[in-house]
Amino acid sequence: AQKRFAFRAETGGARAMGIYAATQVASLAVVSTVSSRFVSQDFMRDTALYLGTAGAAAVVSYLICRFVIFRSPGSDAQ
């Protein structure tokens, strides 16, 4: 669905599914690790930490999808 609708790519990279799965697992691992290690019992601080970490993971995931997995035809990315 992301290939067709979000990125409008004709094809994914040669190992697209593996890279995509690894990206998602790594994002979940980073968010859960940071959220569990730095919990402070302060609701606002913990919420900000979680949202900041999840947002950063989402941006990195998007960039990997856009420029590695579903890159535009004829781009320089390998």
N, C-alpha and C. Protein backbone atom coordinates (compact mmCIF):
# COMPACT_ATOMS: atom_id res chain seq x y z
N ALA A 1 0.83 -1.19 0.00
CA ALA A 1 0.00 0.00 0.00
C ALA A 1 0.88 1.26 0.00
N GLN A 2 1.95 1.26 0.79
CA GLN A 2 2.81 2.44 0.80
C GLN A 2 3.47 2.65 -0.55
N LYS A 3 3.88 1.56 -1.18
CA LYS A 3 4.53 1.69 -2.50
C LYS A 3 3.58 2.35 -3.48
N ARG A 4 2.35 1.92 -3.48
CA ARG A 4 1.40 2.40 -4.49
C ARG A 4 0.81 3.76 -4.15
N PHE A 5 0.38 3.96 -2.90
CA PHE A 5 -0.36 5.16 -2.55
C PHE A 5 0.49 6.26 -1.92
N ALA A 6 1.35 5.91 -0.98
CA ALA A 6 2.12 6.94 -0.28
C ALA A 6 3.29 7.46 -1.13
N PHE A 7 4.01 6.53 -1.77
CA PHE A 7 5.21 6.94 -2.48
C PHE A 7 5.05 6.92 -3.99
N ARG A 8 3.95 6.36 -4.47
CA ARG A 8 3.65 6.27 -5.90
C ARG A 8 4.82 5.74 -6.71
N ALA A 9 5.45 4.70 -6.18
CA ALA A 9 6.59 4.08 -6.85
C ALA A 9 6.12 2.91 -7.70
N GLU A 10 6.82 2.71 -8.78
CA GLU A 10 6.52 1.56 -9.64
C GLU A 10 7.03 0.28 -9.00
N THR A 11 8.23 0.34 -8.45
CA THR A 11 8.83 -0.84 -7.84
C THR A 11 9.55 -0.44 -6.57
N GLY A 12 9.79 -1.43 -5.74
CA GLY A 12 10.63 -1.22 -4.57
C GLY A 12 12.04 -1.63 -4.92
N GLY A 13 12.95 -1.44 -3.99
CA GLY A 13 14.31 -1.89 -4.21
C GLY A 13 14.36 -3.41 -4.23
N ALA A 14 15.52 -3.97 -4.50
CA ALA A 14 15.67 -5.42 -4.60
C ALA A 14 15.33 -6.13 -3.29
N ARG A 15 15.64 -5.52 -2.19
CA ARG A 15 15.37 -6.13 -0.89
C ARG A 15 14.39 -5.27 -0.10
N ALA A 16 13.41 -4.73 -0.76
CA ALA A 16 12.49 -3.77 -0.15
C ALA A 16 11.78 -4.29 1.08
N MET A 17 11.23 -5.49 1.02
CA MET A 17 10.46 -6.00 2.15
C MET A 17 11.34 -6.21 3.38
N GLY A 18 12.54 -6.71 3.19
CA GLY A 18 13.45 -6.91 4.32
C GLY A 18 13.88 -5.60 4.95
N ILE A 19 14.21 -4.62 4.12
CA ILE A 19 14.61 -3.32 4.64
C ILE A 19 13.44 -2.65 5.35
N TYR A 20 12.25 -2.75 4.76
CA TYR A 20 11.07 -2.15 5.38
C TYR A 20 10.78 -2.79 6.74
N ALA A 21 10.82 -4.11 6.80
CA ALA A 21 10.56 -4.81 8.07
C ALA A 21 11.62 -4.45 9.11
N ALA A 22 12.88 -4.42 8.71
CA ALA A 22 13.95 -4.06 9.64
C ALA A 22 13.80 -2.63 10.15
N THR A 23 13.38 -1.73 9.27
CA THR A 23 13.15 -0.33 9.67
C THR A 23 12.05 -0.23 10.71
N GLN A 24 10.96 -0.95 10.49
CA GLN A 24 9.84 -0.90 11.43
C GLN A 24 10.21 -1.51 12.78
N VAL A 25 10.90 -2.64 12.76
CA VAL A 25 11.32 -3.29 14.01
C VAL A 25 12.30 -2.39 14.76
N ALA A 26 13.25 -1.81 14.05
CA ALA A 26 14.22 -0.91 14.69
C ALA A 26 13.52 0.31 15.28
N SER A 27 12.54 0.86 14.59
CA SER A 27 11.80 2.01 15.11
C SER A 27 11.08 1.65 16.41
N LEU A 28 10.41 0.52 16.41
CA LEU A 28 9.72 0.07 17.63
C LEU A 28 10.70 -0.17 18.77
N ALA A 29 11.84 -0.77 18.46
CA ALA A 29 12.84 -1.05 19.50
C ALA A 29 13.40 0.24 20.10
N VAL A 30 13.70 1.21 19.25
CA VAL A 30 14.25 2.48 19.74
C VAL A 30 13.22 3.21 20.61
N VAL A 31 12.00 3.31 20.13
CA VAL A 31 10.96 4.02 20.88
C VAL A 31 10.70 3.34 22.22
N SER A 32 10.56 2.02 22.22
CA SER A 32 10.27 1.33 23.49
C SER A 32 11.46 1.38 24.44
N THR A 33 12.68 1.28 23.92
CA THR A 33 13.86 1.34 24.78
C THR A 33 14.00 2.72 25.42
N VAL A 34 13.92 3.76 24.62
CA VAL A 34 14.05 5.12 25.17
C VAL A 34 12.91 5.41 26.15
N SER A 35 11.70 5.02 25.78
CA SER A 35 10.54 5.29 26.64
C SER A 35 10.62 4.55 27.96
N SER A 36 11.17 3.35 27.96
CA SER A 36 11.24 2.59 29.22
C SER A 36 12.46 2.97 30.06
N ARG A 37 13.55 3.36 29.44
CA ARG A 37 14.78 3.69 30.18
C ARG A 37 14.72 5.06 30.85
N PHE A 38 14.02 5.99 30.25
CA PHE A 38 14.04 7.36 30.76
C PHE A 38 12.73 7.79 31.37
N VAL A 39 11.91 6.83 31.80
CA VAL A 39 10.64 7.17 32.43
C VAL A 39 10.91 7.89 33.75
N SER A 40 10.15 8.95 34.00
CA SER A 40 10.41 9.79 35.18
C SER A 40 9.21 9.89 36.12
N GLN A 41 8.10 9.29 35.79
CA GLN A 41 6.85 9.38 36.56
C GLN A 41 6.21 10.77 36.46
N ASP A 42 6.74 11.64 35.63
CA ASP A 42 6.13 12.94 35.36
C ASP A 42 5.40 12.81 34.02
N PHE A 43 4.08 12.86 34.06
CA PHE A 43 3.26 12.59 32.88
C PHE A 43 3.65 13.45 31.69
N MET A 44 3.79 14.74 31.87
CA MET A 44 4.08 15.64 30.76
C MET A 44 5.47 15.36 30.17
N ARG A 45 6.44 15.16 31.02
CA ARG A 45 7.81 14.89 30.55
C ARG A 45 7.86 13.55 29.82
N ASP A 46 7.23 12.54 30.39
CA ASP A 46 7.24 11.22 29.76
C ASP A 46 6.48 11.23 28.43
N THR A 47 5.37 11.95 28.38
CA THR A 47 4.62 12.06 27.14
C THR A 47 5.43 12.78 26.07
N ALA A 48 6.08 13.87 26.44
CA ALA A 48 6.93 14.60 25.50
C ALA A 48 8.08 13.73 25.00
N LEU A 49 8.70 12.97 25.89
CA LEU A 49 9.78 12.08 25.51
C LEU A 49 9.29 11.03 24.52
N TYR A 50 8.15 10.42 24.82
CA TYR A 50 7.61 9.39 23.94
C TYR A 50 7.25 9.97 22.57
N LEU A 51 6.55 11.10 22.57
CA LEU A 51 6.15 11.70 21.29
C LEU A 51 7.35 12.17 20.48
N GLY A 52 8.34 12.72 21.14
CA GLY A 52 9.56 13.15 20.44
C GLY A 52 10.30 11.98 19.83
N THR A 53 10.43 10.90 20.60
CA THR A 53 11.12 9.71 20.11
C THR A 53 10.33 9.06 18.98
N ALA A 54 9.02 8.91 19.16
CA ALA A 54 8.19 8.31 18.11
C ALA A 54 8.18 9.17 16.85
N GLY A 55 8.16 10.48 17.02
CA GLY A 55 8.20 11.38 15.87
C GLY A 55 9.51 11.27 15.11
N ALA A 56 10.62 11.22 15.84
CA ALA A 56 11.92 11.07 15.19
C ALA A 56 12.02 9.73 14.46
N ALA A 57 11.50 8.67 15.08
CA ALA A 57 11.51 7.35 14.43
C ALA A 57 10.65 7.36 13.17
N ALA A 58 9.53 8.05 13.21
CA ALA A 58 8.66 8.13 12.04
C ALA A 58 9.32 8.90 10.90
N VAL A 59 10.03 9.96 11.22
CA VAL A 59 10.73 10.74 10.19
C VAL A 59 11.83 9.91 9.55
N VAL A 60 12.62 9.22 10.37
CA VAL A 60 13.69 8.38 9.84
C VAL A 60 13.10 7.26 8.99
N SER A 61 12.02 6.65 9.45
CA SER A 61 11.35 5.59 8.70
C SER A 61 10.87 6.12 7.34
N TYR A 62 10.27 7.29 7.35
CA TYR A 62 9.81 7.90 6.09
C TYR A 62 10.98 8.13 5.14
N LEU A 63 12.07 8.68 5.65
CA LEU A 63 13.23 8.97 4.80
C LEU A 63 13.82 7.69 4.21
N ILE A 64 13.87 6.63 5.00
CA ILE A 64 14.38 5.36 4.49
C ILE A 64 13.44 4.83 3.40
N CYS A 65 12.15 4.91 3.65
CA CYS A 65 11.19 4.46 2.63
C CYS A 65 11.29 5.30 1.37
N ARG A 66 11.37 6.59 1.52
CA ARG A 66 11.35 7.50 0.37
C ARG A 66 12.61 7.41 -0.48
N PHE A 67 13.77 7.37 0.18
CA PHE A 67 15.03 7.47 -0.56
C PHE A 67 15.78 6.15 -0.72
N VAL A 68 15.36 5.09 -0.05
CA VAL A 68 16.04 3.80 -0.19
C VAL A 68 15.10 2.77 -0.80
N ILE A 69 13.97 2.55 -0.17
CA ILE A 69 13.08 1.48 -0.61
C ILE A 69 12.28 1.86 -1.84
N PHE A 70 11.62 3.00 -1.81
CA PHE A 70 10.74 3.42 -2.90
C PHE A 70 11.28 4.63 -3.63
N ARG A 71 12.56 4.63 -3.92
CA ARG A 71 13.18 5.78 -4.59
C ARG A 71 12.61 5.95 -6.00
N SER A 72 12.65 7.16 -6.46
CA SER A 72 12.13 7.47 -7.79
C SER A 72 13.01 6.85 -8.86
N PRO A 73 12.41 6.43 -9.95
CA PRO A 73 13.23 5.89 -11.06
C PRO A 73 14.20 6.95 -11.56
N GLY A 74 15.42 6.53 -11.82
CA GLY A 74 16.43 7.44 -12.35
C GLY A 74 17.14 8.25 -11.28
N SER A 75 16.85 7.98 -9.99
CA SER A 75 17.54 8.74 -8.94
C SER A 75 18.94 8.17 -8.76
N ASP A 76 19.78 8.94 -8.10
CA ASP A 76 21.17 8.52 -7.87
C ASP A 76 21.30 7.54 -6.73
N ALA A 77 20.26 7.40 -5.90
CA ALA A 77 20.34 6.52 -4.75
C ALA A 77 20.51 5.06 -5.18
N GLN A 78 21.34 4.36 -4.51
CA GLN A 78 21.56 2.95 -4.82
C GLN A 78 21.00 2.09 -3.73
